[in-house]
Protein backbone atom coordinates (compact mmCIF):
# COMPACT_ATOMS: atom_id res chain seq x y z
CA UNK A 1 56.49 12.27 -9.08
CA UNK A 2 54.89 15.37 -7.83
CA UNK A 3 51.84 15.88 -5.03
CA UNK A 4 48.05 15.27 -5.74
CA UNK A 5 48.14 18.98 -4.79
CA UNK A 6 50.48 20.77 -7.25
CA UNK A 7 47.67 20.90 -9.78
CA UNK A 8 45.23 23.71 -9.65
CA UNK A 9 41.72 22.64 -8.90
CA UNK A 10 39.19 26.11 -9.64
CA UNK A 11 35.44 26.33 -9.14
CA UNK A 12 34.31 27.80 -12.93
CA UNK A 13 32.49 31.39 -12.29
CA UNK A 14 30.28 31.52 -15.86
CA UNK A 15 28.90 35.09 -14.52
CA UNK A 16 32.29 37.14 -14.70
CA UNK A 17 36.43 36.54 -16.45
CA UNK A 18 38.94 34.85 -14.24
CA UNK A 19 41.40 37.59 -13.24
CA UNK A 20 44.72 37.07 -13.46
CA UNK A 21 44.74 38.30 -9.31
CA UNK A 22 43.08 35.28 -8.29
CA UNK A 23 44.76 33.56 -10.84
CA UNK A 24 47.89 34.35 -9.13
CA UNK A 25 46.28 34.00 -5.23
CA UNK A 26 45.12 30.81 -6.30
CA UNK A 27 48.01 29.00 -7.40
CA UNK A 28 49.99 30.23 -4.76
CA UNK A 29 48.02 28.62 -2.44
CA UNK A 30 48.99 25.67 -3.77
CA UNK A 31 52.62 25.53 -3.93
CA UNK A 32 52.72 26.61 -7.95
CA UNK A 33 55.41 29.85 -8.77
CA UNK A 34 53.70 31.98 -10.94
CA UNK A 35 57.19 31.65 -13.21
CA UNK A 36 55.12 28.98 -14.67
CA UNK A 37 52.64 30.54 -15.58
CA UNK A 38 54.43 33.74 -18.32
CA UNK A 39 55.81 30.38 -21.06
CA UNK A 40 52.88 28.84 -20.54
CA UNK A 41 50.25 31.41 -21.13
CA UNK A 42 52.45 32.77 -24.75
CA UNK A 43 53.03 29.32 -25.61
CA UNK A 44 49.37 28.39 -27.01
CA UNK A 45 48.72 30.41 -29.86
CA UNK A 46 47.02 28.99 -33.25
CA UNK A 47 48.82 29.44 -36.71
CA UNK A 48 46.60 30.15 -39.75
CA UNK A 49 46.17 28.36 -42.68
CA UNK A 50 43.03 25.66 -43.65
CA UNK A 51 39.54 25.53 -42.60
CA UNK A 52 40.47 25.11 -38.55
CA UNK A 53 43.05 25.46 -36.01
CA UNK A 54 42.96 22.78 -33.41
CA UNK A 55 45.84 22.63 -30.62
CA UNK A 56 45.98 19.14 -28.85
CA UNK A 57 48.39 18.40 -25.08
CA UNK A 58 49.08 14.88 -24.85
CA UNK A 59 51.74 13.06 -21.74
CA UNK A 60 52.63 10.20 -24.54
CA UNK A 61 56.65 9.34 -24.47
CA UNK A 62 58.72 6.62 -25.54
CA UNK A 63 56.43 3.73 -27.48
CA UNK A 64 52.76 5.48 -26.51
CA UNK A 65 54.70 8.75 -28.03
CA UNK A 66 55.86 7.07 -31.44
CA UNK A 67 51.99 5.83 -31.58
CA UNK A 68 49.66 8.88 -31.31
CA UNK A 69 52.33 10.99 -33.37
CA UNK A 70 51.66 7.88 -36.50
CA UNK A 71 47.88 8.22 -35.60
CA UNK A 72 47.79 12.45 -35.43
CA UNK A 73 49.37 11.73 -38.91
CA UNK A 74 46.63 9.53 -40.32
CA UNK A 75 44.18 12.28 -39.01
CA UNK A 76 46.44 14.51 -40.95
CA UNK A 77 46.00 12.60 -43.86
CA UNK A 78 42.33 12.19 -43.88
CA UNK A 79 41.75 15.64 -42.66
CA UNK A 80 43.89 18.54 -44.58
CA UNK A 81 41.73 21.14 -44.39
CA UNK A 82 42.11 20.65 -40.55
CA UNK A 83 45.54 22.04 -38.93
CA UNK A 84 46.61 20.19 -36.33
CA UNK A 85 49.09 20.91 -33.34
CA UNK A 86 50.40 18.05 -30.95
CA UNK A 87 52.23 19.26 -28.11
CA UNK A 88 53.97 16.32 -25.33
CA UNK A 89 54.73 17.50 -22.34
CA UNK A 90 56.19 16.26 -19.23
CA UNK A 91 54.40 12.86 -17.67
CA UNK A 92 52.46 13.20 -15.05
CA UNK A 93 52.47 16.09 -12.10
CA UNK A 94 54.10 18.66 -14.51
CA UNK A 95 51.86 17.40 -17.36
CA UNK A 96 48.22 17.86 -14.87
CA UNK A 97 49.58 21.46 -13.39
CA UNK A 98 50.49 22.98 -17.03
CA UNK A 99 46.88 21.69 -18.70
CA UNK A 100 45.28 23.09 -14.91
CA UNK A 101 46.66 26.31 -15.54
CA UNK A 102 45.86 26.81 -18.65
CA UNK A 103 42.66 25.68 -18.38
CA UNK A 104 42.17 27.58 -15.59
CA UNK A 105 43.67 31.35 -17.13
CA UNK A 106 41.54 31.43 -20.79
CA UNK A 107 44.57 29.51 -22.57
CA UNK A 108 43.77 26.27 -22.65
CA UNK A 109 44.49 23.59 -25.91
CA UNK A 110 41.19 22.92 -27.69
CA UNK A 111 41.49 18.49 -27.14
CA UNK A 112 43.28 17.18 -24.58
CA UNK A 113 44.50 14.07 -22.94
CA UNK A 114 44.00 13.21 -19.29
CA UNK A 115 44.12 9.89 -17.12
CA UNK A 116 40.32 9.14 -16.52
CA UNK A 117 41.40 8.54 -12.66
CA UNK A 118 41.61 11.98 -12.32
CA UNK A 119 38.35 13.01 -14.02
CA UNK A 120 36.20 13.67 -11.06
CA UNK A 121 38.92 16.47 -10.37
CA UNK A 122 39.39 18.29 -13.68
CA UNK A 123 35.42 18.06 -14.02
CA UNK A 124 34.86 19.17 -10.30
CA UNK A 125 37.05 22.32 -10.94
CA UNK A 126 35.19 23.52 -13.67
CA UNK A 127 39.17 22.76 -15.43
CA UNK A 128 36.73 21.05 -18.92
CA UNK A 129 34.04 21.54 -20.51
CA UNK A 130 31.07 18.88 -20.54
CA UNK A 131 31.05 16.57 -24.25
CA UNK A 132 27.00 17.53 -26.52
CA UNK A 133 26.01 14.44 -27.56
CA UNK A 134 23.83 14.90 -29.93
CA UNK A 135 27.31 16.94 -31.74
CA UNK A 136 29.21 13.88 -30.92
CA UNK A 137 26.84 11.59 -32.86
CA UNK A 138 27.15 13.80 -35.45
CA UNK A 139 30.97 12.19 -35.79
CA UNK A 140 29.90 8.33 -34.55
CA UNK A 141 30.75 8.73 -30.75
CA UNK A 142 27.74 7.29 -28.73
CA UNK A 143 27.33 5.06 -26.08
CA UNK A 144 26.94 2.70 -27.58
CA UNK A 145 30.39 2.92 -29.08
CA UNK A 146 31.93 1.66 -25.72
CA UNK A 147 31.95 -1.36 -23.51
CA UNK A 148 29.17 0.42 -20.37
CA UNK A 149 31.47 0.77 -17.38
CA UNK A 150 34.56 2.26 -19.68
CA UNK A 151 31.76 5.22 -20.65
CA UNK A 152 30.37 5.53 -17.50
CA UNK A 153 33.58 6.30 -15.76
CA UNK A 154 33.52 9.28 -18.68
CA UNK A 155 30.87 10.87 -16.96
CA UNK A 156 30.21 13.19 -13.53
CA UNK A 157 26.69 14.05 -12.14
CA UNK A 158 25.34 12.36 -15.21
CA UNK A 159 27.35 14.95 -17.66
CA UNK A 160 29.79 13.24 -20.43
CA UNK A 161 33.37 14.93 -19.53
CA UNK A 162 35.36 12.64 -21.30
CA UNK A 163 35.73 10.37 -24.79
CA UNK A 164 38.37 7.58 -23.95
CA UNK A 165 40.61 6.49 -25.90
CA UNK A 166 41.78 3.07 -23.92
CA UNK A 167 41.67 0.83 -20.69
CA UNK A 168 45.29 0.07 -19.32
CA UNK A 169 44.61 -2.64 -16.55
CA UNK A 170 47.27 -4.55 -14.34
CA UNK A 171 47.72 -8.30 -16.04
CA UNK A 172 49.91 -10.99 -15.45
CA UNK A 173 52.97 -11.77 -17.73
CA UNK A 174 54.24 -14.89 -18.11
CA UNK A 175 56.85 -16.86 -19.61
CA UNK A 176 55.99 -19.32 -21.77
CA UNK A 177 59.31 -21.79 -22.16
CA UNK A 178 59.09 -21.30 -18.17
CA UNK A 179 55.20 -22.31 -17.57
CA UNK A 180 55.25 -25.39 -19.80
CA UNK A 181 58.26 -27.09 -17.67
CA UNK A 182 56.50 -26.30 -14.85
CA UNK A 183 53.33 -27.50 -15.85
CA UNK A 184 51.24 -24.91 -15.90
CA UNK A 185 50.37 -24.79 -19.52
CA UNK A 186 46.96 -26.25 -20.73
CA UNK A 187 46.37 -27.75 -24.39
CA UNK A 188 46.79 -24.94 -25.97
CA UNK A 189 49.32 -23.48 -24.95
CA UNK A 190 48.07 -21.10 -22.43
CA UNK A 191 48.05 -20.42 -18.95
CA UNK A 192 45.96 -22.44 -16.96
CA UNK A 193 43.44 -21.13 -14.52
CA UNK A 194 45.24 -19.62 -11.19
CA UNK A 195 42.21 -19.76 -8.74
CA UNK A 196 42.73 -18.33 -4.67
CA UNK A 197 45.34 -17.94 -2.96
CA UNK A 198 47.06 -21.06 -2.85
CA UNK A 199 47.39 -22.10 -6.61
CA UNK A 200 49.06 -18.44 -6.91
CA UNK A 201 51.31 -20.24 -4.42
CA UNK A 202 51.53 -22.64 -5.97
CA UNK A 203 52.50 -21.56 -9.33
CA UNK A 204 55.45 -19.20 -8.26
CA UNK A 205 56.93 -22.38 -6.10
CA UNK A 206 56.24 -23.82 -9.24
CA UNK A 207 57.69 -21.42 -11.37
CA UNK A 208 61.04 -20.94 -9.22
CA UNK A 209 62.22 -24.14 -9.46
CA UNK A 210 62.45 -23.40 -13.05
CA UNK A 211 63.90 -20.34 -12.70
CA UNK A 212 66.07 -21.18 -9.87
CA UNK A 213 66.37 -17.61 -8.63
CA UNK A 214 62.40 -15.99 -8.39
CA UNK A 215 58.95 -17.18 -9.71
CA UNK A 216 57.46 -13.66 -9.71
CA UNK A 217 58.37 -10.44 -10.01
CA UNK A 218 56.17 -7.14 -9.16
CA UNK A 219 57.75 -3.15 -8.33
CA UNK A 220 57.04 -2.61 -4.80
CA UNK A 221 58.02 0.61 -4.09
CA UNK A 222 56.26 3.25 -5.83
CA UNK A 223 53.58 3.45 -7.67
CA UNK A 224 52.94 -0.42 -8.16
CA UNK A 225 52.08 -1.44 -4.20
CA UNK A 226 48.96 0.26 -4.34
CA UNK A 227 47.57 -1.21 -8.18
CA UNK A 228 48.15 -4.19 -5.99
CA UNK A 229 46.75 -3.56 -3.38
CA UNK A 230 43.03 -1.52 -5.34
CA UNK A 231 43.17 -4.91 -7.57
CA UNK A 232 43.07 -7.69 -4.38
CA UNK A 233 41.30 -5.43 -2.11
CA UNK A 234 38.43 -4.81 -4.68
CA UNK A 235 37.90 -8.22 -5.07
CA UNK A 236 36.99 -8.60 -1.36
CA UNK A 237 34.29 -5.96 -2.24
CA UNK A 238 36.35 -2.97 0.06
CA UNK A 239 35.95 0.76 -1.00
CA UNK A 240 38.61 3.10 0.56
CA UNK A 241 36.31 6.55 0.09
CA UNK A 242 32.46 7.19 0.37
CA UNK A 243 30.91 7.51 -3.33
CA UNK A 244 32.07 11.80 -2.86
CA UNK A 245 35.28 11.43 -1.84
CA UNK A 246 35.26 13.23 0.99
CA UNK A 247 35.15 10.44 3.89
CA UNK A 248 37.84 7.11 4.61
CA UNK A 249 35.84 4.17 4.89
CA UNK A 250 38.46 1.80 4.37
CA UNK A 251 38.20 -1.83 5.66
CA UNK A 252 40.99 -2.45 7.62
CA UNK A 253 40.15 -6.44 7.82
CA UNK A 254 39.99 -6.12 4.39
CA UNK A 255 43.23 -4.66 3.98
CA UNK A 256 44.94 -6.26 6.06
CA UNK A 257 44.51 -9.28 4.52
CA UNK A 258 45.57 -7.76 0.84
CA UNK A 259 48.48 -6.83 2.49
CA UNK A 260 49.48 -10.37 4.31
CA UNK A 261 48.70 -12.41 1.01
CA UNK A 262 51.35 -9.68 -0.34
CA UNK A 263 53.93 -10.27 2.00
CA UNK A 264 53.51 -13.88 1.88
CA UNK A 265 54.04 -13.85 -2.10
CA UNK A 266 57.20 -12.40 -1.57
CA UNK A 267 57.99 -15.28 0.85
CA UNK A 268 56.86 -17.82 -1.21
CA UNK A 269 59.65 -16.51 -4.14
CA UNK A 270 58.25 -13.30 -5.99
CA UNK A 271 61.03 -10.64 -5.87
CA UNK A 272 60.03 -7.13 -4.88
CA UNK A 273 62.26 -5.14 -6.59
CA UNK A 274 63.02 -1.50 -6.51
CA UNK A 275 61.21 0.08 -9.48
CA UNK A 276 59.51 -1.02 -12.31
CA UNK A 277 62.13 -1.16 -14.47
CA UNK A 278 64.18 -3.61 -12.37
CA UNK A 279 61.11 -6.17 -12.37
CA UNK A 280 60.81 -6.07 -16.41
CA UNK A 281 64.23 -7.11 -16.67
CA UNK A 282 64.49 -9.88 -14.32
CA UNK A 283 61.49 -10.93 -16.44
CA UNK A 284 62.99 -10.32 -19.47
CA UNK A 285 66.28 -12.29 -18.38
CA UNK A 286 63.76 -15.15 -17.75
CA UNK A 287 65.08 -15.31 -14.25
CA UNK A 288 61.59 -15.24 -13.49
CA UNK A 289 58.34 -16.83 -15.23
CA UNK A 290 55.93 -14.07 -13.55
CA UNK A 291 54.99 -10.78 -13.73
CA UNK A 292 52.22 -8.66 -12.32
CA UNK A 293 52.69 -5.25 -14.24
CA UNK A 294 50.83 -2.79 -16.69
CA UNK A 295 50.04 -4.31 -19.98
CA UNK A 296 51.87 -1.37 -21.73
CA UNK A 297 55.34 -3.71 -21.31
CA UNK A 298 53.66 -5.67 -23.89
CA UNK A 299 56.19 -3.98 -27.03
CA UNK A 300 58.94 -4.63 -24.55
CA UNK A 301 59.07 -8.48 -24.90
CA UNK A 302 57.97 -8.44 -28.07
CA UNK A 303 61.42 -6.59 -29.00
CA UNK A 304 63.41 -9.04 -27.19
CA UNK A 305 61.51 -12.12 -28.71
CA UNK A 306 61.29 -13.80 -25.35
CA UNK A 307 58.69 -16.33 -25.35
CA UNK A 308 55.46 -15.01 -23.42
CA UNK A 309 52.29 -14.43 -23.48
CA UNK A 310 50.04 -12.44 -21.07
CA UNK A 311 46.34 -12.61 -19.37
CA UNK A 312 44.09 -11.28 -16.48
CA UNK A 313 45.24 -10.52 -13.31
CA UNK A 314 44.71 -13.88 -10.95
CA UNK A 315 41.72 -14.39 -9.31
CA UNK A 316 42.71 -14.25 -6.36
CA UNK A 317 39.90 -13.44 -4.04
CA UNK A 318 36.83 -14.51 -5.42
CA UNK A 319 36.66 -12.41 -9.50
CA UNK A 320 39.02 -10.80 -11.45
CA UNK A 321 38.69 -7.33 -10.93
CA UNK A 322 42.08 -5.74 -11.19
CA UNK A 323 43.21 -2.26 -10.89
CA UNK A 324 43.41 0.28 -14.73
CA UNK A 325 43.09 2.99 -15.84
CA UNK A 326 42.01 4.91 -19.41
CA UNK A 327 43.36 7.52 -21.10
CA UNK A 328 40.41 10.11 -22.40
CA UNK A 329 39.86 12.71 -24.56
CA UNK A 330 38.68 15.93 -23.14
CA UNK A 331 37.91 19.50 -24.17
CA UNK A 332 39.99 21.98 -21.77
CA UNK A 333 37.51 24.61 -20.49
CA UNK A 334 37.53 27.83 -23.34
CA UNK A 335 36.04 30.85 -22.16
CA UNK A 336 34.07 31.41 -25.65
CA UNK A 337 34.32 28.49 -27.87
CA UNK A 338 34.64 28.38 -31.55
CA UNK A 339 32.22 26.43 -33.22
CA UNK A 340 34.41 25.79 -35.97
CA UNK A 341 37.48 24.50 -33.78
CA UNK A 342 34.88 22.75 -31.66
CA UNK A 343 33.72 20.93 -34.69
CA UNK A 344 37.52 19.72 -35.96
CA UNK A 345 38.14 18.94 -32.19
CA UNK A 346 35.21 16.47 -32.54
CA UNK A 347 36.22 15.02 -35.51
CA UNK A 348 40.13 14.98 -34.44
CA UNK A 349 38.91 12.88 -31.70
CA UNK A 350 36.57 10.00 -34.01
CA UNK A 351 39.30 10.10 -36.37
CA UNK A 352 41.59 8.93 -33.44
CA UNK A 353 39.22 6.65 -32.13
CA UNK A 354 38.26 5.35 -35.28
CA UNK A 355 42.56 4.51 -36.23
CA UNK A 356 42.81 3.58 -32.31
CA UNK A 357 44.15 -0.37 -33.27
CA UNK A 358 47.34 1.19 -34.10
CA UNK A 359 46.78 2.77 -30.53
CA UNK A 360 46.13 -1.02 -29.22
CA UNK A 361 48.96 -2.63 -31.21
CA UNK A 362 51.40 -1.27 -27.91
CA UNK A 363 49.26 -2.98 -25.36
CA UNK A 364 46.58 -0.98 -24.21
CA UNK A 365 42.76 -1.99 -24.99
CA UNK A 366 40.76 0.26 -27.37
CA UNK A 367 37.53 1.31 -25.88
CA UNK A 368 36.41 1.90 -29.04
CA UNK A 369 33.95 -1.14 -29.68
CA UNK A 370 34.61 -0.60 -33.52
CA UNK A 371 38.47 -1.50 -32.97
CA UNK A 372 37.59 -3.83 -30.33
CA UNK A 373 35.21 -5.49 -31.76
CA UNK A 374 37.06 -6.00 -34.98
CA UNK A 375 38.92 -9.11 -36.06
CA UNK A 376 42.29 -7.57 -36.78
CA UNK A 377 42.44 -6.64 -32.74
CA UNK A 378 40.76 -10.66 -31.85
CA UNK A 379 44.31 -11.48 -34.03
CA UNK A 380 46.74 -9.15 -31.64
CA UNK A 381 48.59 -11.35 -29.40
CA UNK A 382 48.84 -11.38 -26.35
CA UNK A 383 47.02 -8.26 -26.78
CA UNK A 384 43.31 -9.78 -27.87
CA UNK A 385 44.31 -12.48 -24.42
CA UNK A 386 43.29 -10.42 -21.77
CA UNK A 387 40.85 -7.58 -23.27
CA UNK A 388 38.43 -8.76 -20.64
CA UNK A 389 40.01 -6.91 -18.13
CA UNK A 390 38.42 -3.88 -19.13
CA UNK A 391 34.81 -5.54 -18.24
CA UNK A 392 36.65 -5.79 -14.86
CA UNK A 393 37.91 -2.75 -14.40
CA UNK A 394 38.52 -0.35 -10.99
CA UNK A 395 39.95 2.69 -11.12
CA UNK A 396 41.90 4.67 -7.85
CA UNK A 397 39.47 5.96 -5.28
CA UNK A 398 37.59 9.10 -6.09
CA UNK A 399 39.32 11.98 -4.14
CA UNK A 400 40.67 15.26 -4.90
CA UNK A 401 44.00 14.08 -4.42
CA UNK A 402 43.46 10.64 -6.13
CA UNK A 403 44.52 9.33 -9.71
CA UNK A 404 47.58 9.23 -12.16
CA UNK A 405 50.79 10.53 -10.09
CA UNK A 406 48.60 11.82 -7.11
CA UNK A 407 50.18 12.00 -4.05
CA UNK A 408 47.73 9.22 -2.83
CA UNK A 409 49.15 6.92 -4.71
CA UNK A 410 53.00 7.53 -3.68
CA UNK A 411 51.68 7.56 0.30
CA UNK A 412 49.87 4.15 -0.50
CA UNK A 413 53.31 2.86 -2.07
CA UNK A 414 55.48 3.66 -0.10
CA UNK A 415 52.86 1.92 2.83
CA UNK A 416 52.31 -1.60 1.46
CA UNK A 417 56.10 -1.62 -0.01
CA UNK A 418 57.41 -1.12 3.86
CA UNK A 419 55.05 -3.58 4.70
CA UNK A 420 56.10 -6.20 2.08
CA UNK A 421 60.30 -5.65 3.16
CA UNK A 422 58.76 -6.72 6.04
CA UNK A 423 59.77 -3.09 7.82
CA UNK A 424 55.96 -2.74 8.49
CA UNK A 425 53.89 -5.71 10.04
CA UNK A 426 50.30 -5.81 7.16
CA UNK A 427 48.45 -4.03 10.35
CA UNK A 428 50.80 -0.99 10.67
CA UNK A 429 51.29 -1.09 6.72
CA UNK A 430 47.74 -0.34 6.77
CA UNK A 431 47.66 1.91 9.51
CA UNK A 432 50.53 4.55 7.87
CA UNK A 433 48.35 4.18 5.02
CA UNK A 434 44.98 5.45 6.86
CA UNK A 435 47.01 8.03 8.63
CA UNK A 436 48.58 9.55 5.49
CA UNK A 437 44.53 9.51 3.89
CA UNK A 438 43.18 11.12 6.75
CA UNK A 439 45.78 13.74 6.95
CA UNK A 440 44.96 14.19 3.19
CA UNK A 441 41.17 14.81 3.42
CA UNK A 442 42.26 17.18 6.21
CA UNK A 443 43.72 19.39 3.81
CA UNK A 444 41.34 22.01 2.62
CA UNK A 445 39.59 21.42 -0.74
CA UNK A 446 41.50 24.06 -3.26
CA UNK A 447 37.86 24.20 -5.08
């Protein structure tokens, strides 16, 4: 993953136009080569035709990409008066770098997708424009169209900067055949509620006896240890940074409790795989009956036709808080927004929300209540079985270097993975994480 410092954050100056010299100077200071600039800025032209033409940038590949194209095609069929140019860019750091550069350079797309965990940075840098609630209401997008926690995360400084498409949380998958043999299913064939460290450990041991291999699989190198840490640390009520993202307020005792628990989980029969693909493969091959991972793997297991279901990330420390993020629509900064294109953009966003059952079929929890509360969604299995996670989501903490595919996630993952592999003690792992966060906080804020 690219460093969190590899994307541009620039303060908007509404009193004068953005100059090429200032842009190149600041991007050079952040380690962005000017070679990216020319092809990027020259590729954003709009073609004519129709009553409106808009561009849409996203970062979706694989199954998500296929469903996004399907939703775009529905929009084109329903609104032939709008010419849509959709561009898919490389996921992660490269996408955020290009989106930031385009917005800063005055050649932004009309609509973009970002992770909600990146919102604070893009809003503070003036790289996205706030939505006008009155205009949104004309297209059926109002605050009562979304769950309060999801809607609240879309705001910064009391302004609405994003329209959430989904919530994608960390959940627990389970093999129904294996867990049935382990005595972990209730009379309805669903996994019994596991509450507290002891019940979780007992379940892992029981499943391991059935598989003869592992009870639980999870990714332990990269970003998933970070996601696991956030979920469990939040269940303890822990905070990592101050609300403004400028001060580290990590509770060492709670952090060590979480890392110690994860280390014990590995010792009791979990396999801390070296990457997400390996964890998924062990679950797919039924060498493990439990998996902690993102719900986006739903279609993987459906395609493999293995007996499985999914449920909320377990209540280990007193509640069901879990790591989550949201894909959200944003309006990349336009120096002089065109009213016709802005109206077409809002129509596009509204239509995508209202057709997001297609998106939900891939595993993500729809943010738009018109879909989330529909009978069609409630009949989706296993998607509907973990829909409650949207009310218990915990985003990455606020900091200019945090968010999806950020340096913070990479640094945290390395520290916690080393502890889970017993290369470090839990205390040493937390201290390594603390030092890396303190170092990042000392880096001058680039906007």
